[in-house]
N, C-alpha and C. Protein backbone atom coordinates (compact mmCIF):
# COMPACT_ATOMS: atom_id res chain seq x y z
N UNK A 1 0.98 -1.06 -0.09
CA UNK A 1 -0.19 0.06 0.12
C UNK A 1 0.89 1.42 -0.15
N UNK A 2 0.54 2.19 -0.76
CA UNK A 2 1.29 3.44 -0.91
C UNK A 2 0.72 4.29 0.14
N UNK A 3 1.52 5.47 0.22
CA UNK A 3 1.08 6.39 1.14
C UNK A 3 0.34 7.77 0.56
N UNK A 4 0.00 7.61 -0.85
CA UNK A 4 -0.63 8.66 -1.53
C UNK A 4 -2.07 8.91 -0.74
N UNK A 5 -2.66 10.10 -1.22
CA UNK A 5 -3.87 10.36 -0.74
C UNK A 5 -5.01 10.11 -1.62
N UNK A 6 -4.61 9.86 -3.04
CA UNK A 6 -5.58 9.89 -4.16
C UNK A 6 -6.23 8.53 -3.91
N UNK A 7 -7.34 8.65 -4.51
CA UNK A 7 -8.17 7.41 -4.48
C UNK A 7 -7.51 6.47 -5.26
N UNK A 8 -8.01 5.16 -5.22
CA UNK A 8 -7.36 4.28 -5.95
C UNK A 8 -8.55 3.50 -6.74
N UNK A 9 -8.49 3.69 -8.28
CA UNK A 9 -9.86 3.36 -8.96
C UNK A 9 -9.85 1.97 -8.79
N UNK A 10 -8.72 1.12 -8.59
CA UNK A 10 -8.84 -0.49 -8.63
C UNK A 10 -9.61 -0.86 -7.31
N UNK A 11 -9.58 0.00 -6.31
CA UNK A 11 -10.17 -0.24 -5.11
C UNK A 11 -11.71 -0.19 -5.26
N UNK A 12 -12.07 0.77 -5.91
CA UNK A 12 -13.36 1.14 -6.13
C UNK A 12 -14.05 0.42 -7.24
N UNK A 13 -13.36 -0.50 -8.27
CA UNK A 13 -13.85 -1.22 -9.10
C UNK A 13 -14.91 -2.18 -8.51
N UNK A 14 -15.97 -2.17 -8.90
CA UNK A 14 -17.02 -3.35 -8.35
C UNK A 14 -17.53 -2.92 -7.02
N UNK A 15 -17.14 -1.85 -6.46
CA UNK A 15 -17.52 -1.89 -4.98
C UNK A 15 -18.99 -1.20 -5.13
N UNK A 16 -20.06 -1.67 -4.34
CA UNK A 16 -21.12 -1.19 -4.13
C UNK A 16 -21.54 -0.76 -2.92
N UNK A 17 -22.30 0.41 -2.73
CA UNK A 17 -22.48 0.79 -1.36
C UNK A 17 -22.88 -0.25 -0.43
N UNK A 18 -22.18 -0.53 0.45
CA UNK A 18 -22.60 -1.84 1.55
C UNK A 18 -22.48 -3.05 0.84
N UNK A 19 -22.18 -3.30 -0.25
CA UNK A 19 -21.82 -4.54 -0.84
C UNK A 19 -20.53 -5.39 -0.45
N UNK A 20 -20.34 -6.34 -1.18
CA UNK A 20 -19.33 -7.04 -0.74
C UNK A 20 -18.11 -6.35 -1.19
N UNK A 21 -16.86 -6.50 -0.74
CA UNK A 21 -15.44 -5.98 -0.90
C UNK A 21 -14.86 -6.75 -2.10
N UNK A 22 -13.98 -6.16 -2.84
CA UNK A 22 -13.21 -7.11 -3.62
C UNK A 22 -12.62 -8.17 -2.77
N UNK A 23 -12.76 -9.31 -3.45
CA UNK A 23 -12.18 -10.49 -2.24
C UNK A 23 -13.39 -10.77 -1.63
N UNK A 24 -14.35 -10.30 -1.36
CA UNK A 24 -15.61 -10.77 -0.76
C UNK A 24 -15.68 -10.87 0.78
N UNK A 25 -14.63 -10.19 1.45
CA UNK A 25 -14.45 -10.39 2.83
C UNK A 25 -14.96 -9.27 3.64
N UNK A 26 -14.80 -8.09 3.17
CA UNK A 26 -15.28 -6.99 3.81
C UNK A 26 -16.29 -6.05 3.00
N UNK A 27 -17.36 -5.60 3.70
CA UNK A 27 -18.15 -4.66 2.94
C UNK A 27 -17.32 -3.31 2.51
N UNK A 28 -17.75 -2.82 1.29
CA UNK A 28 -16.84 -1.63 1.05
C UNK A 28 -17.75 -0.63 0.50
N UNK A 29 -17.43 0.79 0.56
CA UNK A 29 -18.06 1.69 -0.17
C UNK A 29 -16.94 2.32 -0.99
N UNK A 30 -17.55 3.01 -2.05
CA UNK A 30 -16.42 3.82 -2.98
C UNK A 30 -15.92 4.90 -2.06
N UNK A 31 -14.88 5.40 -2.64
CA UNK A 31 -14.39 6.63 -2.11
C UNK A 31 -15.16 7.89 -2.35
N UNK A 32 -15.87 7.80 -3.48
CA UNK A 32 -16.75 8.82 -3.92
C UNK A 32 -18.08 9.05 -2.64
N UNK A 33 -18.47 7.75 -2.56
CA UNK A 33 -19.55 7.63 -1.45
C UNK A 33 -18.84 8.14 -0.09
N UNK A 34 -17.86 7.54 0.40
CA UNK A 34 -17.21 8.06 1.61
C UNK A 34 -17.03 9.45 1.74
N UNK A 35 -16.48 10.38 0.68
CA UNK A 35 -16.41 11.55 0.62
C UNK A 35 -17.77 12.51 0.55
N UNK A 36 -18.63 11.89 -0.14
CA UNK A 36 -20.09 12.41 0.04
C UNK A 36 -20.58 12.44 1.58
N UNK A 37 -20.24 11.14 2.22
CA UNK A 37 -20.77 11.18 3.55
C UNK A 37 -20.06 12.17 4.48
N UNK A 38 -18.65 12.24 4.06
CA UNK A 38 -17.86 13.24 4.92
C UNK A 38 -18.52 14.53 4.91
N UNK A 39 -18.92 14.91 3.67
CA UNK A 39 -19.56 16.35 3.52
C UNK A 39 -20.66 16.60 4.36
N UNK A 40 -21.26 15.58 4.82
CA UNK A 40 -22.41 15.92 5.68
C UNK A 40 -21.82 16.63 7.20
N UNK A 41 -20.56 16.34 7.52
CA UNK A 41 -19.94 17.21 8.49
C UNK A 41 -20.15 18.67 8.33
N UNK A 42 -19.92 19.22 7.16
CA UNK A 42 -20.20 20.63 6.87
C UNK A 42 -18.90 21.24 6.33
N UNK A 43 -18.02 20.63 6.04
CA UNK A 43 -17.00 21.14 5.25
C UNK A 43 -15.63 21.55 6.20
N UNK A 44 -14.86 22.52 5.68
CA UNK A 44 -13.39 23.11 6.45
C UNK A 44 -13.99 23.25 7.67
N UNK A 45 -12.95 22.90 8.69
CA UNK A 45 -12.90 23.06 10.04
C UNK A 45 -12.56 24.52 10.43
N UNK A 46 -12.57 24.86 11.74
CA UNK A 46 -12.36 26.01 12.17
C UNK A 46 -10.76 26.11 12.65
N UNK A 47 -10.35 27.22 13.20
CA UNK A 47 -8.90 27.51 13.38
C UNK A 47 -8.30 26.52 14.58
N UNK A 48 -9.26 26.56 15.69
CA UNK A 48 -8.83 25.87 17.00
C UNK A 48 -9.19 24.54 17.10
N UNK A 49 -10.40 24.34 16.79
CA UNK A 49 -10.89 23.11 16.86
C UNK A 49 -11.87 22.76 15.73
N UNK A 50 -12.55 21.60 15.77
CA UNK A 50 -13.56 21.39 14.61
C UNK A 50 -14.47 22.12 15.17
N UNK A 51 -15.05 23.41 14.65
CA UNK A 51 -16.37 24.11 15.20
C UNK A 51 -17.38 23.05 14.52
N UNK A 52 -18.36 23.02 15.44
CA UNK A 52 -19.62 22.23 15.17
C UNK A 52 -19.50 20.80 14.72
N UNK A 53 -18.20 20.21 14.96
CA UNK A 53 -17.82 18.78 14.60
C UNK A 53 -18.98 17.98 15.44
N UNK A 54 -19.14 18.35 16.55
CA UNK A 54 -20.16 17.30 17.29
C UNK A 54 -21.35 17.19 16.69
N UNK A 55 -22.05 18.38 16.07
CA UNK A 55 -23.48 18.30 15.39
C UNK A 55 -23.12 17.80 14.11
N UNK A 56 -22.10 17.88 13.42
CA UNK A 56 -21.86 17.20 12.09
C UNK A 56 -21.57 15.71 12.20
N UNK A 57 -20.92 15.48 13.36
CA UNK A 57 -20.85 13.78 13.71
C UNK A 57 -22.24 13.22 14.07
N UNK A 58 -22.95 14.06 14.74
CA UNK A 58 -24.33 13.59 15.24
C UNK A 58 -25.32 13.32 13.78
N UNK A 59 -24.99 14.28 12.84
CA UNK A 59 -25.62 14.12 11.63
C UNK A 59 -25.40 12.83 10.93
N UNK A 60 -24.20 12.74 10.58
CA UNK A 60 -23.37 11.66 10.02
C UNK A 60 -23.69 10.37 10.64
N UNK A 61 -23.78 10.32 11.88
CA UNK A 61 -24.22 8.98 12.45
C UNK A 61 -25.61 8.73 12.29
N UNK A 62 -26.52 9.57 12.38
CA UNK A 62 -27.97 9.40 11.93
C UNK A 62 -28.20 8.88 10.45
N UNK A 63 -27.43 9.53 9.48
CA UNK A 63 -27.45 8.92 8.40
C UNK A 63 -26.91 7.67 8.11
N UNK A 64 -25.83 7.19 8.68
CA UNK A 64 -25.27 5.95 8.54
C UNK A 64 -26.10 4.92 9.41
N UNK A 65 -26.38 5.21 10.32
CA UNK A 65 -27.53 4.26 11.08
C UNK A 65 -28.76 3.95 10.31
N UNK A 66 -29.22 5.03 9.76
CA UNK A 66 -30.38 4.60 8.88
C UNK A 66 -30.32 3.84 7.56
N UNK A 67 -29.03 3.68 7.24
CA UNK A 67 -28.60 2.90 6.07
C UNK A 67 -28.27 1.33 6.15
N UNK A 68 -27.87 0.76 5.38
CA UNK A 68 -27.49 -0.47 5.51
C UNK A 68 -26.26 -0.79 6.55
N UNK A 69 -26.04 -1.82 7.04
CA UNK A 69 -25.08 -2.00 7.99
C UNK A 69 -23.71 -1.99 7.29
N UNK A 70 -23.65 -2.59 6.00
CA UNK A 70 -22.48 -2.81 5.18
C UNK A 70 -21.91 -1.45 4.99
N UNK A 71 -22.84 -0.31 4.79
CA UNK A 71 -22.29 1.09 4.61
C UNK A 71 -21.40 1.51 5.74
N UNK A 72 -22.14 1.39 6.92
CA UNK A 72 -21.56 1.65 8.10
C UNK A 72 -20.19 0.98 8.25
N UNK A 73 -20.05 -0.29 7.90
CA UNK A 73 -18.76 -0.88 8.19
C UNK A 73 -17.72 -0.31 6.91
N UNK A 74 -18.24 -0.40 5.91
CA UNK A 74 -17.53 0.27 4.64
C UNK A 74 -16.99 1.74 4.81
N UNK A 75 -17.70 2.51 5.75
CA UNK A 75 -17.35 3.80 6.18
C UNK A 75 -16.34 3.64 7.26
N UNK A 76 -16.19 2.77 8.06
CA UNK A 76 -15.48 2.55 9.06
C UNK A 76 -13.98 2.19 8.34
N UNK A 77 -14.34 1.40 7.45
CA UNK A 77 -12.97 0.92 6.75
C UNK A 77 -12.26 2.01 6.00
N UNK A 78 -12.99 2.81 5.22
CA UNK A 78 -12.30 4.05 4.49
C UNK A 78 -11.84 5.13 5.44
N UNK A 79 -12.56 5.43 6.58
CA UNK A 79 -12.10 6.17 7.47
C UNK A 79 -10.56 5.70 7.97
N UNK A 80 -10.50 4.62 8.41
CA UNK A 80 -9.30 3.80 8.85
C UNK A 80 -8.45 4.16 7.49
N UNK A 81 -8.71 3.64 6.47
CA UNK A 81 -7.75 3.93 5.39
C UNK A 81 -7.04 5.31 5.21
N UNK A 82 -8.09 6.18 5.30
CA UNK A 82 -7.72 7.68 4.99
C UNK A 82 -6.84 8.24 6.27
N UNK A 83 -7.17 7.63 7.31
CA UNK A 83 -6.24 8.09 8.64
C UNK A 83 -4.80 7.40 8.37
N UNK A 84 -4.98 6.27 7.90
CA UNK A 84 -3.59 5.52 7.74
C UNK A 84 -2.83 6.31 6.84
N UNK A 85 -3.48 6.64 5.39
CA UNK A 85 -2.60 7.37 4.62
C UNK A 85 -1.93 8.56 4.88
N UNK A 86 -2.72 9.10 5.85
CA UNK A 86 -2.17 10.42 6.44
C UNK A 86 -1.10 10.24 7.56
N UNK A 87 -0.77 9.14 8.07
CA UNK A 87 0.15 8.72 9.09
C UNK A 87 1.56 8.82 8.43
N UNK A 88 2.17 9.84 8.33
CA UNK A 88 3.33 10.04 7.75
C UNK A 88 4.26 10.86 8.70
N UNK A 89 5.64 10.53 8.72
CA UNK A 89 6.50 11.36 9.34
C UNK A 89 6.37 12.95 9.06
N UNK A 90 6.30 13.29 7.73
CA UNK A 90 6.20 14.62 7.47
C UNK A 90 5.36 15.37 7.98
N UNK A 91 4.31 14.67 8.41
CA UNK A 91 2.95 15.43 8.94
C UNK A 91 3.21 15.25 10.59
N UNK A 92 3.48 14.29 11.11
CA UNK A 92 3.70 13.97 12.62
C UNK A 92 4.72 14.60 13.21
N UNK A 93 5.67 14.96 12.39
CA UNK A 93 6.88 15.58 13.28
C UNK A 93 6.71 17.28 13.24
N UNK A 94 5.55 17.83 12.52
CA UNK A 94 5.33 19.11 12.44
C UNK A 94 4.81 19.53 13.97
N UNK A 95 5.30 20.83 14.36
CA UNK A 95 4.80 21.27 15.76
C UNK A 95 3.43 21.75 15.52
N UNK A 96 2.90 21.77 16.68
CA UNK A 96 1.36 22.23 17.07
C UNK A 96 1.46 23.90 16.78
N UNK A 97 0.61 23.91 15.73
CA UNK A 97 0.35 25.31 15.25
C UNK A 97 -0.08 26.21 16.65
N UNK A 98 0.79 27.28 16.84
CA UNK A 98 0.00 28.28 17.73
C UNK A 98 0.75 27.87 19.40
N UNK A 99 1.29 26.90 19.30
CA UNK A 99 1.92 26.53 20.53
C UNK A 99 3.43 26.57 20.59
N UNK A 100 3.88 26.93 21.79
CA UNK A 100 5.37 26.89 22.09
C UNK A 100 5.79 26.42 23.41
N UNK A 101 6.83 25.91 23.65
CA UNK A 101 7.31 25.59 24.78
C UNK A 101 7.86 26.95 25.60
N UNK A 102 8.01 26.86 26.81
CA UNK A 102 8.76 27.99 27.50
C UNK A 102 10.16 28.11 26.86
N UNK A 103 10.40 29.38 26.46
CA UNK A 103 11.78 29.66 25.75
C UNK A 103 11.46 29.60 24.33
N UNK A 104 10.42 29.36 23.76
CA UNK A 104 9.89 29.71 22.39
C UNK A 104 10.07 28.43 21.57
N UNK A 105 10.55 27.28 21.96
CA UNK A 105 10.66 26.07 21.24
C UNK A 105 9.48 25.57 20.68
N UNK A 106 9.27 25.01 19.29
CA UNK A 106 7.97 24.49 19.00
C UNK A 106 7.72 23.50 19.91
N UNK A 107 6.19 23.38 19.91
CA UNK A 107 5.56 22.33 20.85
C UNK A 107 5.19 21.02 19.84
N UNK A 108 5.69 19.90 20.22
CA UNK A 108 5.45 18.60 19.47
C UNK A 108 4.25 18.16 19.46
N UNK A 109 3.66 17.49 18.39
CA UNK A 109 2.37 17.03 18.44
C UNK A 109 2.43 15.52 19.44
N UNK A 110 1.38 15.22 20.30
CA UNK A 110 1.46 13.86 20.84
C UNK A 110 0.90 12.86 19.81
N UNK A 111 0.86 11.88 20.17
CA UNK A 111 0.42 10.59 19.18
C UNK A 111 -1.10 10.82 19.10
N UNK A 112 -1.75 11.07 20.04
CA UNK A 112 -3.07 11.28 20.05
C UNK A 112 -3.53 12.50 19.19
N UNK A 113 -2.88 13.59 19.70
CA UNK A 113 -3.01 15.01 19.02
C UNK A 113 -2.90 14.77 17.30
N UNK A 114 -1.58 14.04 17.26
CA UNK A 114 -1.68 13.71 15.87
C UNK A 114 -2.61 12.99 15.07
N UNK A 115 -3.25 11.89 15.58
CA UNK A 115 -4.48 11.28 15.20
C UNK A 115 -5.61 12.22 15.12
N UNK A 116 -5.92 12.96 15.96
CA UNK A 116 -6.94 14.10 15.91
C UNK A 116 -6.75 15.04 14.78
N UNK A 117 -5.55 15.35 14.77
CA UNK A 117 -5.14 16.44 13.48
C UNK A 117 -5.44 15.69 12.26
N UNK A 118 -5.28 14.62 11.94
CA UNK A 118 -5.35 13.51 10.77
C UNK A 118 -6.78 13.52 10.66
N UNK A 119 -7.70 13.25 11.64
CA UNK A 119 -9.12 13.41 11.58
C UNK A 119 -9.63 14.68 11.19
N UNK A 120 -9.10 15.90 11.37
CA UNK A 120 -9.60 17.16 11.19
C UNK A 120 -9.44 17.34 9.67
N UNK A 121 -8.08 16.70 9.11
CA UNK A 121 -7.85 16.89 7.71
C UNK A 121 -8.92 16.13 7.13
N UNK A 122 -9.39 14.72 7.43
CA UNK A 122 -10.34 14.17 6.87
C UNK A 122 -12.06 14.98 6.96
N UNK A 123 -12.01 15.58 8.19
CA UNK A 123 -13.38 16.12 8.07
C UNK A 123 -13.49 17.54 7.24
N UNK A 124 -12.07 17.89 7.07
CA UNK A 124 -12.58 18.97 6.08
C UNK A 124 -12.73 18.75 4.49
N UNK A 125 -12.62 17.52 4.32
CA UNK A 125 -13.17 17.18 3.05
C UNK A 125 -12.12 16.79 2.14
N UNK A 126 -12.60 16.24 0.91
CA UNK A 126 -11.60 15.55 -0.06
C UNK A 126 -10.78 16.60 -0.71
N UNK A 127 -11.17 17.65 -1.11
CA UNK A 127 -10.08 18.62 -1.66
C UNK A 127 -9.11 18.85 -0.66
N UNK A 128 -9.40 19.34 0.51
CA UNK A 128 -8.26 19.46 1.56
C UNK A 128 -7.40 18.22 1.72
N UNK A 129 -8.20 17.24 1.98
CA UNK A 129 -7.28 15.75 2.27
C UNK A 129 -6.21 15.51 1.07
N UNK A 130 -6.75 15.53 -0.17
CA UNK A 130 -5.92 15.20 -1.22
C UNK A 130 -4.76 16.39 -1.40
N UNK A 131 -4.92 17.33 -1.09
CA UNK A 131 -3.98 18.72 -1.09
C UNK A 131 -2.82 18.78 -0.12
N UNK A 132 -3.03 17.84 0.86
CA UNK A 132 -1.88 17.92 1.85
C UNK A 132 -0.67 16.99 1.50
N UNK A 133 -0.84 16.02 0.57
CA UNK A 133 0.06 14.93 0.57
C UNK A 133 1.22 15.52 -0.19
N UNK A 134 2.62 15.38 0.27
CA UNK A 134 3.58 15.93 -0.50
C UNK A 134 3.76 17.59 0.04
N UNK A 135 2.87 17.88 0.80
CA UNK A 135 2.75 19.51 1.07
C UNK A 135 2.55 19.72 2.46
N UNK A 136 3.48 19.50 3.43
CA UNK A 136 3.33 19.57 4.65
C UNK A 136 3.00 20.89 5.35
N UNK A 137 3.27 21.74 4.42
CA UNK A 137 2.58 23.31 4.94
C UNK A 137 1.22 23.36 4.68
N UNK A 138 0.48 22.31 4.20
CA UNK A 138 -0.70 22.38 4.09
C UNK A 138 -1.39 21.51 5.38
N UNK A 139 -0.83 20.73 5.75
CA UNK A 139 -1.30 19.97 6.87
C UNK A 139 -0.92 20.75 8.04
N UNK A 140 -0.02 21.49 8.17
CA UNK A 140 0.56 22.36 9.40
C UNK A 140 -0.77 22.81 10.20
N UNK A 141 -1.45 23.70 9.38
CA UNK A 141 -2.90 24.27 10.18
C UNK A 141 -3.70 23.43 10.94
N UNK A 142 -3.82 22.24 10.63
CA UNK A 142 -4.55 21.20 11.19
C UNK A 142 -3.80 20.57 12.66
N UNK A 143 -2.83 20.80 12.87
CA UNK A 143 -2.01 20.47 14.03
C UNK A 143 -2.39 20.91 15.27
N UNK A 144 -3.46 22.01 15.12
CA UNK A 144 -3.91 22.51 16.15
C UNK A 144 -5.47 22.34 16.38
N UNK A 145 -5.90 21.41 15.26
CA UNK A 145 -7.45 21.04 15.35
C UNK A 145 -7.52 19.58 15.61
N UNK A 146 -8.54 19.43 16.59
CA UNK A 146 -8.64 18.14 17.05
C UNK A 146 -10.32 17.70 16.70
N UNK A 147 -10.34 16.82 15.83
CA UNK A 147 -11.59 16.33 15.61
C UNK A 147 -11.77 14.66 15.90
N UNK A 148 -11.47 14.35 17.12
CA UNK A 148 -11.63 13.15 17.80
C UNK A 148 -12.99 12.51 17.58
N UNK A 149 -13.85 13.33 17.66
CA UNK A 149 -15.49 12.86 17.43
C UNK A 149 -15.83 11.84 16.26
N UNK A 150 -15.00 12.14 15.13
CA UNK A 150 -15.31 11.52 13.96
C UNK A 150 -14.72 10.13 13.80
N UNK A 151 -13.71 9.86 14.71
CA UNK A 151 -13.26 8.47 15.09
C UNK A 151 -14.37 7.59 15.47
N UNK A 152 -15.51 7.99 16.00
CA UNK A 152 -16.44 7.14 16.72
C UNK A 152 -17.79 7.20 15.98
N UNK A 153 -17.88 7.90 14.84
CA UNK A 153 -19.16 7.90 14.23
C UNK A 153 -19.56 6.43 13.75
N UNK A 154 -18.83 5.65 13.01
CA UNK A 154 -19.27 4.46 12.56
C UNK A 154 -19.51 3.73 13.71
N UNK A 155 -18.66 3.50 14.79
CA UNK A 155 -19.12 2.71 15.75
C UNK A 155 -20.52 3.17 16.35
N UNK A 156 -20.75 4.46 16.62
CA UNK A 156 -21.98 4.80 17.44
C UNK A 156 -23.28 4.55 16.31
N UNK A 157 -22.91 4.52 15.04
CA UNK A 157 -24.04 4.22 14.11
C UNK A 157 -24.23 2.87 13.90
N UNK A 158 -23.29 2.16 14.01
CA UNK A 158 -23.25 0.61 14.19
C UNK A 158 -24.25 0.13 15.32
N UNK A 159 -23.88 0.81 16.44
CA UNK A 159 -24.53 0.35 17.66
C UNK A 159 -25.98 0.87 17.41
N UNK A 160 -26.30 2.12 16.90
CA UNK A 160 -27.67 2.33 16.74
C UNK A 160 -28.57 1.38 15.59
N UNK A 161 -27.89 1.08 14.80
CA UNK A 161 -28.42 0.19 13.82
C UNK A 161 -28.61 -1.31 14.16
N UNK A 162 -27.72 -1.90 15.09
CA UNK A 162 -27.97 -3.34 15.23
C UNK A 162 -28.27 -3.48 16.95
N UNK A 163 -27.90 -2.49 17.71
CA UNK A 163 -28.21 -2.68 18.88
C UNK A 163 -26.92 -3.42 19.61
N UNK A 164 -26.03 -3.41 18.88
CA UNK A 164 -24.83 -4.14 19.39
C UNK A 164 -23.39 -3.34 19.22
N UNK A 165 -22.62 -3.50 20.25
CA UNK A 165 -21.47 -2.88 20.19
C UNK A 165 -20.34 -2.99 18.96
N UNK A 166 -19.70 -2.20 18.37
CA UNK A 166 -18.81 -2.38 17.16
C UNK A 166 -17.68 -3.13 17.84
N UNK A 167 -17.37 -4.46 17.23
CA UNK A 167 -16.47 -5.20 18.07
C UNK A 167 -15.87 -5.73 16.68
N UNK A 168 -15.21 -5.06 15.98
CA UNK A 168 -14.24 -5.28 14.79
C UNK A 168 -13.13 -4.35 14.71
N UNK A 169 -12.13 -5.00 14.09
CA UNK A 169 -10.91 -4.39 13.66
C UNK A 169 -10.98 -3.87 12.46
N UNK A 170 -10.54 -2.71 11.91
CA UNK A 170 -10.35 -2.28 10.58
C UNK A 170 -9.19 -2.88 9.87
N UNK A 171 -9.25 -2.87 8.50
CA UNK A 171 -8.01 -3.48 7.82
C UNK A 171 -6.86 -2.70 8.11
N UNK A 172 -6.86 -1.33 8.27
CA UNK A 172 -5.93 -0.49 8.56
C UNK A 172 -5.89 -0.06 9.87
N UNK A 173 -4.67 -0.15 10.39
CA UNK A 173 -4.35 0.58 11.61
C UNK A 173 -4.19 2.01 11.69
N UNK A 174 -4.93 2.93 12.34
CA UNK A 174 -4.66 4.25 11.90
C UNK A 174 -4.08 5.00 13.25
N UNK A 175 -3.82 4.05 14.15
CA UNK A 175 -2.95 4.80 15.18
C UNK A 175 -1.71 5.22 14.64
N UNK A 176 -1.27 6.49 15.52
CA UNK A 176 0.02 7.13 14.95
C UNK A 176 1.02 6.22 14.99
N UNK A 177 1.80 6.52 13.81
CA UNK A 177 3.27 5.58 13.53
C UNK A 177 2.92 4.04 13.23
N UNK A 178 1.70 3.83 12.83
CA UNK A 178 1.31 2.45 12.24
C UNK A 178 1.61 2.41 10.94
N UNK A 179 1.71 3.18 10.07
CA UNK A 179 2.04 3.21 8.90
C UNK A 179 3.40 3.22 8.53
N UNK A 180 4.17 2.08 8.46
CA UNK A 180 5.53 1.85 8.26
C UNK A 180 6.16 2.56 7.15
N UNK A 181 5.26 2.48 6.00
CA UNK A 181 5.79 3.25 4.54
C UNK A 181 5.69 4.76 4.99
N UNK A 182 5.08 5.26 5.91
CA UNK A 182 5.06 6.55 6.32
C UNK A 182 6.00 7.24 7.37
N UNK A 183 6.61 6.15 7.88
CA UNK A 183 7.54 6.39 8.84
C UNK A 183 8.71 5.52 8.63
N UNK A 184 9.41 5.70 7.66
CA UNK A 184 10.44 4.68 7.49
C UNK A 184 11.65 4.66 8.30
N UNK A 185 11.87 5.64 9.12
CA UNK A 185 12.75 5.84 10.15
C UNK A 185 12.60 4.86 11.49
N UNK A 186 11.30 4.56 11.50
CA UNK A 186 11.06 3.67 12.78
C UNK A 186 11.58 2.26 12.78
N UNK A 187 11.78 1.65 11.57
CA UNK A 187 12.14 0.34 11.61
C UNK A 187 11.41 -0.51 12.11
N UNK A 188 11.73 -1.74 12.41
CA UNK A 188 10.67 -2.80 12.92
C UNK A 188 10.49 -2.87 14.29
């Protein structure tokens, strides 16, 4: 798997909303549908936090819960993949925008902060997401924005739709520093 942010037409080939994945093991939604659903959040985020992200996530949860369960699972898979693709050293080593240590030194992102910043990039929509790859300066403003709520939308929608807790792992691990291609200096 590469670390680019562009959609992969091969992954979308044959995908139907909530239908079987390529290989038949996971439900998949197309990238186009994923970004359409992300659009429910309301677009670009505010400067210090994701303004109204809670309201947007509630709307998205309702939409997902009202649809097929396969779409909820597919959304969770696409979200994990989008976050995984952003898990790159060039973004994770950026300092937090607007914060300094005593003495004026840059304030580093924590692992959780970096994850929430990546969620903010996804919440800002497809155009913003795709624009940051290879352009760390475009990612930098998001280091001070945290959209943690987006990480739980599919889990909450699944619980509303099925009455059961989300008890599954996604194909991509989106925790910070999980993308070995994105962090080549970490080794094994």
